[in-house]
Amino acid sequence: MLNIVLYEPEIPQNTGNIGRFCVGTESRLILVGKLGFSLDDKHVKRAGLDYWQNVNLMQLPSLEAFYEEFPNDKHPYAFLSKFASRVYTEIPHENDNLMLIFGRETSGLPESVEKDHPDSLFRIPATGKVRSFNLSNSVALVGFDIIRRRGFPGLDAEWKGESTGEIYA
């Protein structure tokens, strides 16, 4: 299972969209620290559509609680940071317990992450014309790259339509 970890997300629409990504890819969503919104926020639910209730969701109060719950020796960390030297395509994908960890929309990850986990930092290449990419786009980009390298396990490229309860594409 792929684990998507959001550290103190601030924009409810991003988190809702990421929740939908997690439902569609059988990934777990872990929210860490203080959220910039309530999970009952209509914007979270609107972005997640009617999938939000199906999100495999976990909430932890702090990075310390996250580290304790998911030790790095069993759950390899991949922190996404614009300050990293290695690119996301170099993230080792073999361990099913991989944690893809993304920071706040406005300020990224805490400085302690760079000091404590320098070998676990990865970036998404970009021109110097943008500070960063949208959080939900970044999760989809990196998440699907890991899933692709794993051979799309459990995903069917063909839409099943009404047999799944969906009435529209």
N, C-alpha and C. Protein backbone atom coordinates (compact mmCIF):
# COMPACT_ATOMS: atom_id res chain seq x y z
N MET A 1 0.84 -1.18 0.00
CA MET A 1 0.00 0.00 0.00
C MET A 1 0.88 1.24 0.00
N LEU A 2 0.52 2.18 -0.81
CA LEU A 2 1.22 3.46 -0.84
C LEU A 2 0.66 4.34 0.27
N ASN A 3 1.53 5.04 0.96
CA ASN A 3 1.14 5.94 2.04
C ASN A 3 1.43 7.37 1.63
N ILE A 4 0.41 8.20 1.62
CA ILE A 4 0.54 9.62 1.31
C ILE A 4 0.42 10.37 2.63
N VAL A 5 1.48 11.09 2.98
CA VAL A 5 1.52 11.80 4.25
C VAL A 5 1.54 13.30 3.97
N LEU A 6 0.60 14.02 4.56
CA LEU A 6 0.55 15.47 4.42
C LEU A 6 0.86 16.09 5.77
N TYR A 7 1.92 16.89 5.81
CA TYR A 7 2.29 17.59 7.03
C TYR A 7 1.60 18.95 7.06
N GLU A 8 0.70 19.12 8.00
CA GLU A 8 -0.02 20.37 8.22
C GLU A 8 -0.58 21.00 6.95
N PRO A 9 -1.40 20.26 6.21
CA PRO A 9 -2.00 20.84 5.00
C PRO A 9 -2.88 22.03 5.36
N GLU A 10 -2.93 23.01 4.46
CA GLU A 10 -3.62 24.26 4.73
C GLU A 10 -4.86 24.50 3.86
N ILE A 11 -4.91 23.87 2.71
CA ILE A 11 -5.97 24.15 1.74
C ILE A 11 -6.89 22.94 1.63
N PRO A 12 -8.15 23.08 2.06
CA PRO A 12 -9.05 21.91 2.11
C PRO A 12 -9.29 21.27 0.74
N GLN A 13 -9.34 22.07 -0.31
CA GLN A 13 -9.58 21.49 -1.63
C GLN A 13 -8.45 20.55 -2.04
N ASN A 14 -7.20 20.90 -1.71
CA ASN A 14 -6.08 20.01 -2.02
C ASN A 14 -6.24 18.68 -1.29
N THR A 15 -6.54 18.75 0.00
CA THR A 15 -6.67 17.53 0.79
C THR A 15 -7.83 16.68 0.28
N GLY A 16 -8.93 17.30 -0.10
CA GLY A 16 -10.06 16.55 -0.66
C GLY A 16 -9.68 15.86 -1.95
N ASN A 17 -8.97 16.56 -2.81
CA ASN A 17 -8.54 15.98 -4.08
C ASN A 17 -7.55 14.83 -3.85
N ILE A 18 -6.66 15.01 -2.89
CA ILE A 18 -5.69 13.95 -2.56
C ILE A 18 -6.42 12.75 -1.97
N GLY A 19 -7.46 12.99 -1.18
CA GLY A 19 -8.27 11.89 -0.67
C GLY A 19 -8.88 11.07 -1.80
N ARG A 20 -9.37 11.75 -2.80
CA ARG A 20 -9.93 11.06 -3.98
C ARG A 20 -8.85 10.24 -4.68
N PHE A 21 -7.65 10.81 -4.82
CA PHE A 21 -6.52 10.06 -5.38
C PHE A 21 -6.28 8.79 -4.57
N CYS A 22 -6.30 8.92 -3.25
CA CYS A 22 -6.03 7.76 -2.38
C CYS A 22 -7.09 6.68 -2.55
N VAL A 23 -8.35 7.06 -2.66
CA VAL A 23 -9.41 6.07 -2.88
C VAL A 23 -9.18 5.36 -4.21
N GLY A 24 -8.86 6.12 -5.25
CA GLY A 24 -8.69 5.56 -6.58
C GLY A 24 -7.45 4.71 -6.76
N THR A 25 -6.52 4.80 -5.82
CA THR A 25 -5.27 4.04 -5.94
C THR A 25 -5.04 3.10 -4.75
N GLU A 26 -6.06 2.94 -3.89
CA GLU A 26 -5.93 2.09 -2.70
C GLU A 26 -4.77 2.54 -1.82
N SER A 27 -4.56 3.83 -1.72
CA SER A 27 -3.49 4.39 -0.89
C SER A 27 -4.08 4.88 0.43
N ARG A 28 -3.22 4.97 1.43
CA ARG A 28 -3.64 5.51 2.73
C ARG A 28 -3.24 6.97 2.80
N LEU A 29 -4.11 7.80 3.39
CA LEU A 29 -3.83 9.21 3.59
C LEU A 29 -3.59 9.44 5.08
N ILE A 30 -2.42 9.97 5.40
CA ILE A 30 -2.05 10.25 6.78
C ILE A 30 -1.87 11.76 6.91
N LEU A 31 -2.66 12.37 7.77
CA LEU A 31 -2.57 13.80 8.03
C LEU A 31 -1.83 14.00 9.33
N VAL A 32 -0.78 14.82 9.29
CA VAL A 32 0.10 14.99 10.45
C VAL A 32 0.10 16.46 10.88
N GLY A 33 -0.07 16.67 12.18
CA GLY A 33 0.02 18.02 12.74
C GLY A 33 -1.28 18.78 12.63
N LYS A 34 -1.17 20.08 12.84
CA LYS A 34 -2.33 20.97 12.85
C LYS A 34 -2.80 21.23 11.42
N LEU A 35 -4.07 20.98 11.19
CA LEU A 35 -4.64 21.23 9.87
C LEU A 35 -5.09 22.68 9.77
N GLY A 36 -5.05 23.23 8.58
CA GLY A 36 -5.50 24.60 8.36
C GLY A 36 -6.99 24.69 8.10
N PHE A 37 -7.74 23.64 8.42
CA PHE A 37 -9.17 23.56 8.16
C PHE A 37 -9.73 22.40 8.96
N SER A 38 -11.04 22.28 8.98
CA SER A 38 -11.70 21.15 9.62
C SER A 38 -11.96 20.08 8.57
N LEU A 39 -11.86 18.83 8.95
CA LEU A 39 -12.16 17.75 8.00
C LEU A 39 -13.64 17.73 7.63
N ASP A 40 -14.45 18.46 8.36
CA ASP A 40 -15.87 18.59 8.02
C ASP A 40 -16.10 19.71 7.01
N ASP A 41 -15.05 20.42 6.65
CA ASP A 41 -15.14 21.56 5.73
C ASP A 41 -15.80 21.13 4.43
N LYS A 42 -16.75 21.93 3.96
CA LYS A 42 -17.46 21.60 2.72
C LYS A 42 -16.51 21.54 1.53
N HIS A 43 -15.41 22.31 1.57
CA HIS A 43 -14.46 22.31 0.45
C HIS A 43 -13.70 20.98 0.36
N VAL A 44 -13.40 20.38 1.51
CA VAL A 44 -12.75 19.06 1.51
C VAL A 44 -13.69 18.06 0.86
N LYS A 45 -14.91 18.07 1.31
CA LYS A 45 -15.88 17.10 0.80
C LYS A 45 -16.23 17.35 -0.66
N ARG A 46 -16.30 18.62 -1.06
CA ARG A 46 -16.61 18.92 -2.46
C ARG A 46 -15.48 18.42 -3.37
N ALA A 47 -14.24 18.67 -2.98
CA ALA A 47 -13.10 18.22 -3.80
C ALA A 47 -12.99 16.70 -3.80
N GLY A 48 -13.33 16.07 -2.69
CA GLY A 48 -13.28 14.61 -2.61
C GLY A 48 -14.51 13.94 -3.16
N LEU A 49 -15.49 14.76 -3.55
CA LEU A 49 -16.78 14.29 -4.06
C LEU A 49 -17.39 13.29 -3.08
N ASP A 50 -18.08 12.30 -3.59
CA ASP A 50 -18.71 11.32 -2.71
C ASP A 50 -17.76 10.18 -2.36
N TYR A 51 -16.48 10.38 -2.60
CA TYR A 51 -15.47 9.37 -2.27
C TYR A 51 -14.89 9.57 -0.87
N TRP A 52 -15.08 10.76 -0.29
CA TRP A 52 -14.39 11.11 0.95
C TRP A 52 -14.63 10.07 2.05
N GLN A 53 -15.85 9.55 2.15
CA GLN A 53 -16.14 8.58 3.21
C GLN A 53 -15.38 7.27 3.01
N ASN A 54 -14.80 7.05 1.84
CA ASN A 54 -14.04 5.83 1.57
C ASN A 54 -12.53 6.00 1.72
N VAL A 55 -12.09 7.18 2.12
CA VAL A 55 -10.65 7.43 2.28
C VAL A 55 -10.13 6.62 3.46
N ASN A 56 -9.03 5.90 3.24
CA ASN A 56 -8.33 5.21 4.33
C ASN A 56 -7.51 6.29 5.02
N LEU A 57 -8.08 6.89 6.06
CA LEU A 57 -7.56 8.11 6.66
C LEU A 57 -7.04 7.86 8.07
N MET A 58 -5.89 8.45 8.35
CA MET A 58 -5.31 8.42 9.69
C MET A 58 -4.84 9.83 10.01
N GLN A 59 -5.02 10.23 11.26
CA GLN A 59 -4.58 11.56 11.68
C GLN A 59 -3.65 11.41 12.88
N LEU A 60 -2.52 12.11 12.84
CA LEU A 60 -1.55 12.09 13.94
C LEU A 60 -1.24 13.53 14.35
N PRO A 61 -1.01 13.76 15.66
CA PRO A 61 -0.88 15.13 16.15
C PRO A 61 0.43 15.84 15.80
N SER A 62 1.49 15.09 15.46
CA SER A 62 2.80 15.73 15.25
C SER A 62 3.71 14.83 14.42
N LEU A 63 4.81 15.41 13.93
CA LEU A 63 5.82 14.60 13.24
C LEU A 63 6.41 13.57 14.18
N GLU A 64 6.60 13.94 15.44
CA GLU A 64 7.15 13.00 16.42
C GLU A 64 6.23 11.79 16.56
N ALA A 65 4.93 12.02 16.62
CA ALA A 65 3.97 10.92 16.70
C ALA A 65 4.02 10.08 15.43
N PHE A 66 4.20 10.72 14.28
CA PHE A 66 4.33 9.99 13.02
C PHE A 66 5.57 9.10 13.04
N TYR A 67 6.72 9.65 13.46
CA TYR A 67 7.96 8.88 13.51
C TYR A 67 7.81 7.68 14.45
N GLU A 68 7.10 7.87 15.55
CA GLU A 68 6.90 6.79 16.51
C GLU A 68 5.97 5.71 15.94
N GLU A 69 4.91 6.12 15.29
CA GLU A 69 3.93 5.19 14.73
C GLU A 69 4.50 4.43 13.53
N PHE A 70 5.32 5.11 12.74
CA PHE A 70 5.87 4.53 11.51
C PHE A 70 7.39 4.68 11.50
N PRO A 71 8.12 3.84 12.23
CA PRO A 71 9.58 3.97 12.26
C PRO A 71 10.19 3.78 10.87
N ASN A 72 11.22 4.57 10.59
CA ASN A 72 11.86 4.59 9.28
C ASN A 72 12.44 3.24 8.87
N ASP A 73 12.85 2.41 9.82
CA ASP A 73 13.43 1.12 9.45
C ASP A 73 12.40 0.17 8.85
N LYS A 74 11.12 0.37 9.13
CA LYS A 74 10.06 -0.47 8.56
C LYS A 74 9.23 0.26 7.52
N HIS A 75 9.26 1.56 7.57
CA HIS A 75 8.46 2.41 6.68
C HIS A 75 9.37 3.47 6.09
N PRO A 76 10.05 3.17 4.98
CA PRO A 76 11.00 4.14 4.42
C PRO A 76 10.33 5.46 4.08
N TYR A 77 11.03 6.54 4.44
CA TYR A 77 10.52 7.88 4.20
C TYR A 77 11.07 8.45 2.90
N ALA A 78 10.21 9.15 2.18
CA ALA A 78 10.61 9.94 1.02
C ALA A 78 9.95 11.31 1.19
N PHE A 79 10.74 12.28 1.62
CA PHE A 79 10.25 13.64 1.83
C PHE A 79 10.39 14.41 0.52
N LEU A 80 9.32 15.07 0.10
CA LEU A 80 9.37 15.88 -1.11
C LEU A 80 9.68 17.32 -0.71
N SER A 81 10.80 17.82 -1.25
CA SER A 81 11.26 19.16 -0.90
C SER A 81 11.93 19.81 -2.10
N LYS A 82 11.64 21.08 -2.31
CA LYS A 82 12.28 21.78 -3.43
C LYS A 82 13.77 21.97 -3.18
N PHE A 83 14.23 21.73 -1.95
CA PHE A 83 15.65 21.90 -1.62
C PHE A 83 16.46 20.62 -1.81
N ALA A 84 15.83 19.54 -2.21
CA ALA A 84 16.53 18.27 -2.39
C ALA A 84 17.39 18.29 -3.64
N SER A 85 18.41 17.45 -3.66
CA SER A 85 19.25 17.36 -4.86
C SER A 85 18.81 16.20 -5.76
N ARG A 86 18.22 15.17 -5.18
CA ARG A 86 17.76 14.03 -5.99
C ARG A 86 16.31 14.23 -6.43
N VAL A 87 15.97 13.68 -7.59
CA VAL A 87 14.61 13.83 -8.11
C VAL A 87 13.73 12.65 -7.70
N TYR A 88 12.42 12.88 -7.78
CA TYR A 88 11.44 11.90 -7.29
C TYR A 88 11.53 10.55 -8.00
N THR A 89 12.04 10.52 -9.22
CA THR A 89 12.16 9.24 -9.93
C THR A 89 13.24 8.34 -9.32
N GLU A 90 14.00 8.88 -8.37
CA GLU A 90 15.02 8.10 -7.67
C GLU A 90 14.51 7.53 -6.34
N ILE A 91 13.27 7.79 -6.01
CA ILE A 91 12.71 7.25 -4.76
C ILE A 91 12.66 5.73 -4.88
N PRO A 92 13.28 5.00 -3.94
CA PRO A 92 13.16 3.54 -3.97
C PRO A 92 11.69 3.15 -3.74
N HIS A 93 11.15 2.34 -4.63
CA HIS A 93 9.71 2.06 -4.60
C HIS A 93 9.36 0.64 -4.15
N GLU A 94 10.34 -0.20 -3.90
CA GLU A 94 10.09 -1.61 -3.67
C GLU A 94 9.33 -1.91 -2.37
N ASN A 95 9.57 -1.15 -1.33
CA ASN A 95 8.95 -1.43 -0.03
C ASN A 95 7.50 -0.95 -0.04
N ASP A 96 6.57 -1.88 0.21
CA ASP A 96 5.14 -1.54 0.21
C ASP A 96 4.76 -0.55 1.30
N ASN A 97 5.61 -0.38 2.29
CA ASN A 97 5.33 0.54 3.40
C ASN A 97 5.88 1.94 3.17
N LEU A 98 6.28 2.24 1.94
CA LEU A 98 6.86 3.54 1.60
C LEU A 98 5.95 4.68 2.04
N MET A 99 6.55 5.71 2.61
CA MET A 99 5.84 6.92 3.04
C MET A 99 6.27 8.08 2.16
N LEU A 100 5.36 8.60 1.34
CA LEU A 100 5.61 9.81 0.57
C LEU A 100 5.12 10.98 1.41
N ILE A 101 6.03 11.85 1.81
CA ILE A 101 5.71 12.89 2.79
C ILE A 101 5.83 14.27 2.15
N PHE A 102 4.74 15.01 2.20
CA PHE A 102 4.65 16.33 1.58
C PHE A 102 4.40 17.38 2.66
N GLY A 103 4.97 18.57 2.47
CA GLY A 103 4.83 19.65 3.44
C GLY A 103 3.67 20.58 3.17
N ARG A 104 3.59 21.61 3.97
CA ARG A 104 2.54 22.64 3.84
C ARG A 104 2.59 23.29 2.46
N GLU A 105 1.44 23.73 2.00
CA GLU A 105 1.36 24.40 0.71
C GLU A 105 2.20 25.68 0.69
N THR A 106 2.23 26.42 1.78
CA THR A 106 2.91 27.72 1.77
C THR A 106 4.36 27.68 2.22
N SER A 107 4.72 26.73 3.07
CA SER A 107 6.08 26.75 3.61
C SER A 107 6.80 25.41 3.58
N GLY A 108 6.18 24.39 3.04
CA GLY A 108 6.86 23.10 2.91
C GLY A 108 7.04 22.36 4.22
N LEU A 109 8.13 21.63 4.30
CA LEU A 109 8.45 20.81 5.47
C LEU A 109 9.25 21.62 6.49
N PRO A 110 9.22 21.22 7.75
CA PRO A 110 10.05 21.90 8.75
C PRO A 110 11.53 21.71 8.46
N GLU A 111 12.34 22.68 8.88
CA GLU A 111 13.79 22.61 8.67
C GLU A 111 14.40 21.36 9.30
N SER A 112 13.81 20.88 10.37
CA SER A 112 14.35 19.69 11.05
C SER A 112 14.39 18.48 10.12
N VAL A 113 13.48 18.41 9.17
CA VAL A 113 13.45 17.28 8.24
C VAL A 113 14.73 17.24 7.41
N GLU A 114 15.16 18.39 6.90
CA GLU A 114 16.38 18.44 6.10
C GLU A 114 17.60 18.01 6.91
N LYS A 115 17.64 18.41 8.17
CA LYS A 115 18.77 18.05 9.03
C LYS A 115 18.73 16.58 9.42
N ASP A 116 17.54 16.08 9.78
CA ASP A 116 17.41 14.73 10.31
C ASP A 116 17.33 13.64 9.24
N HIS A 117 16.93 13.99 8.02
CA HIS A 117 16.71 12.99 6.97
C HIS A 117 17.30 13.43 5.63
N PRO A 118 18.57 13.83 5.58
CA PRO A 118 19.12 14.37 4.33
C PRO A 118 19.13 13.36 3.18
N ASP A 119 19.21 12.07 3.48
CA ASP A 119 19.25 11.06 2.42
C ASP A 119 17.86 10.65 1.94
N SER A 120 16.84 11.24 2.53
CA SER A 120 15.46 10.88 2.17
C SER A 120 14.71 12.04 1.53
N LEU A 121 15.46 13.00 0.99
CA LEU A 121 14.84 14.18 0.37
C LEU A 121 14.84 14.04 -1.15
N PHE A 122 13.71 14.36 -1.76
CA PHE A 122 13.56 14.27 -3.21
C PHE A 122 12.77 15.49 -3.69
N ARG A 123 12.99 15.87 -4.94
CA ARG A 123 12.31 17.05 -5.48
C ARG A 123 11.66 16.73 -6.81
N ILE A 124 10.75 17.59 -7.19
CA ILE A 124 10.14 17.56 -8.51
C ILE A 124 10.81 18.67 -9.31
N PRO A 125 11.50 18.34 -10.40
CA PRO A 125 12.19 19.37 -11.17
C PRO A 125 11.22 20.42 -11.73
N ALA A 126 11.67 21.65 -11.76
CA ALA A 126 10.86 22.74 -12.30
C ALA A 126 11.78 23.85 -12.79
N THR A 127 11.22 24.74 -13.57
CA THR A 127 11.97 25.94 -13.95
C THR A 127 12.10 26.82 -12.71
N GLY A 128 12.92 27.81 -12.78
CA GLY A 128 13.04 28.75 -11.67
C GLY A 128 11.92 29.78 -11.64
N LYS A 129 10.92 29.60 -12.50
CA LYS A 129 9.84 30.57 -12.59
C LYS A 129 8.70 30.32 -11.60
N VAL A 130 8.74 29.17 -10.92
CA VAL A 130 7.73 28.86 -9.90
C VAL A 130 8.43 28.40 -8.63
N ARG A 131 7.83 28.73 -7.48
CA ARG A 131 8.39 28.27 -6.21
C ARG A 131 8.17 26.77 -6.03
N SER A 132 6.98 26.33 -6.43
CA SER A 132 6.63 24.92 -6.26
C SER A 132 5.39 24.63 -7.08
N PHE A 133 5.03 23.35 -7.11
CA PHE A 133 3.81 22.93 -7.78
C PHE A 133 2.69 22.77 -6.76
N ASN A 134 1.47 22.77 -7.23
CA ASN A 134 0.31 22.55 -6.37
C ASN A 134 0.45 21.22 -5.64
N LEU A 135 0.06 21.19 -4.38
CA LEU A 135 0.22 19.99 -3.56
C LEU A 135 -0.49 18.78 -4.14
N SER A 136 -1.75 18.93 -4.53
CA SER A 136 -2.46 17.75 -5.04
C SER A 136 -1.87 17.27 -6.36
N ASN A 137 -1.39 18.19 -7.19
CA ASN A 137 -0.72 17.78 -8.43
C ASN A 137 0.57 17.03 -8.12
N SER A 138 1.30 17.50 -7.12
CA SER A 138 2.57 16.85 -6.73
C SER A 138 2.33 15.44 -6.21
N VAL A 139 1.29 15.29 -5.38
CA VAL A 139 0.96 13.96 -4.86
C VAL A 139 0.62 13.02 -6.01
N ALA A 140 -0.21 13.48 -6.94
CA ALA A 140 -0.60 12.63 -8.07
C ALA A 140 0.60 12.27 -8.93
N LEU A 141 1.46 13.24 -9.20
CA LEU A 141 2.64 13.00 -10.04
C LEU A 141 3.56 11.95 -9.41
N VAL A 142 3.95 12.18 -8.18
CA VAL A 142 4.90 11.28 -7.51
C VAL A 142 4.22 9.95 -7.18
N GLY A 143 3.00 10.01 -6.68
CA GLY A 143 2.28 8.79 -6.33
C GLY A 143 2.10 7.87 -7.52
N PHE A 144 1.66 8.41 -8.65
CA PHE A 144 1.47 7.56 -9.82
C PHE A 144 2.79 7.06 -10.39
N ASP A 145 3.86 7.81 -10.22
CA ASP A 145 5.16 7.30 -10.67
C ASP A 145 5.55 6.06 -9.87
N ILE A 146 5.34 6.09 -8.57
CA ILE A 146 5.64 4.92 -7.73
C ILE A 146 4.74 3.76 -8.14
N ILE A 147 3.45 4.02 -8.30
CA ILE A 147 2.50 2.97 -8.68
C ILE A 147 2.86 2.40 -10.05
N ARG A 148 3.25 3.25 -10.98
CA ARG A 148 3.65 2.78 -12.32
C ARG A 148 4.86 1.87 -12.22
N ARG A 149 5.85 2.28 -11.43
CA ARG A 149 7.06 1.46 -11.31
C ARG A 149 6.76 0.14 -10.61
N ARG A 150 5.70 0.08 -9.85
CA ARG A 150 5.29 -1.17 -9.20
C ARG A 150 4.41 -2.01 -10.12
N GLY A 151 4.08 -1.52 -11.29
CA GLY A 151 3.28 -2.27 -12.24
C GLY A 151 1.78 -2.08 -12.08
N PHE A 152 1.35 -0.98 -11.51
CA PHE A 152 -0.07 -0.66 -11.30
C PHE A 152 -0.82 -1.77 -10.54
N PRO A 153 -0.30 -2.25 -9.42
CA PRO A 153 -0.96 -3.36 -8.72
C PRO A 153 -2.36 -2.97 -8.25
N GLY A 154 -3.32 -3.84 -8.55
CA GLY A 154 -4.68 -3.63 -8.09
C GLY A 154 -5.47 -2.58 -8.86
N LEU A 155 -4.85 -1.97 -9.86
CA LEU A 155 -5.55 -0.95 -10.63
C LEU A 155 -5.93 -1.51 -11.99
N ASP A 156 -7.12 -1.18 -12.41
CA ASP A 156 -7.61 -1.62 -13.71
C ASP A 156 -7.75 -0.39 -14.59
N ALA A 157 -7.11 -0.41 -15.72
CA ALA A 157 -7.14 0.76 -16.61
C ALA A 157 -8.49 0.94 -17.29
N GLU A 158 -9.35 -0.07 -17.23
CA GLU A 158 -10.64 0.02 -17.91
C GLU A 158 -11.74 0.37 -16.91
N TRP A 159 -12.50 1.41 -17.20
CA TRP A 159 -13.58 1.82 -16.32
C TRP A 159 -14.68 0.78 -16.34
N LYS A 160 -15.17 0.42 -15.18
CA LYS A 160 -16.17 -0.64 -15.07
C LYS A 160 -17.60 -0.12 -15.14
N GLY A 161 -17.76 1.18 -15.10
CA GLY A 161 -19.08 1.76 -15.26
C GLY A 161 -20.07 1.39 -14.18
N GLU A 162 -21.29 1.11 -14.60
CA GLU A 162 -22.38 0.89 -13.66
C GLU A 162 -22.15 -0.30 -12.74
N SER A 163 -21.34 -1.26 -13.12
CA SER A 163 -21.09 -2.42 -12.25
C SER A 163 -20.40 -2.01 -10.95
N THR A 164 -19.80 -0.82 -10.93
CA THR A 164 -19.14 -0.34 -9.71
C THR A 164 -20.02 0.64 -8.95
N GLY A 165 -21.20 0.92 -9.48
CA GLY A 165 -22.07 1.90 -8.85
C GLY A 165 -21.92 3.29 -9.44
N GLU A 166 -20.93 3.48 -10.30
CA GLU A 166 -20.74 4.78 -10.94
C GLU A 166 -21.74 4.91 -12.08
N ILE A 167 -22.32 6.09 -12.21
CA ILE A 167 -23.27 6.30 -13.29
C ILE A 167 -22.75 7.26 -14.35
N TYR A 168 -21.58 7.83 -14.10
CA TYR A 168 -20.96 8.72 -15.09
C TYR A 168 -19.46 8.61 -14.95
N ALA A 169 -18.75 8.99 -16.00
CA ALA A 169 -17.29 8.86 -16.00
C ALA A 169 -16.64 10.00 -15.27
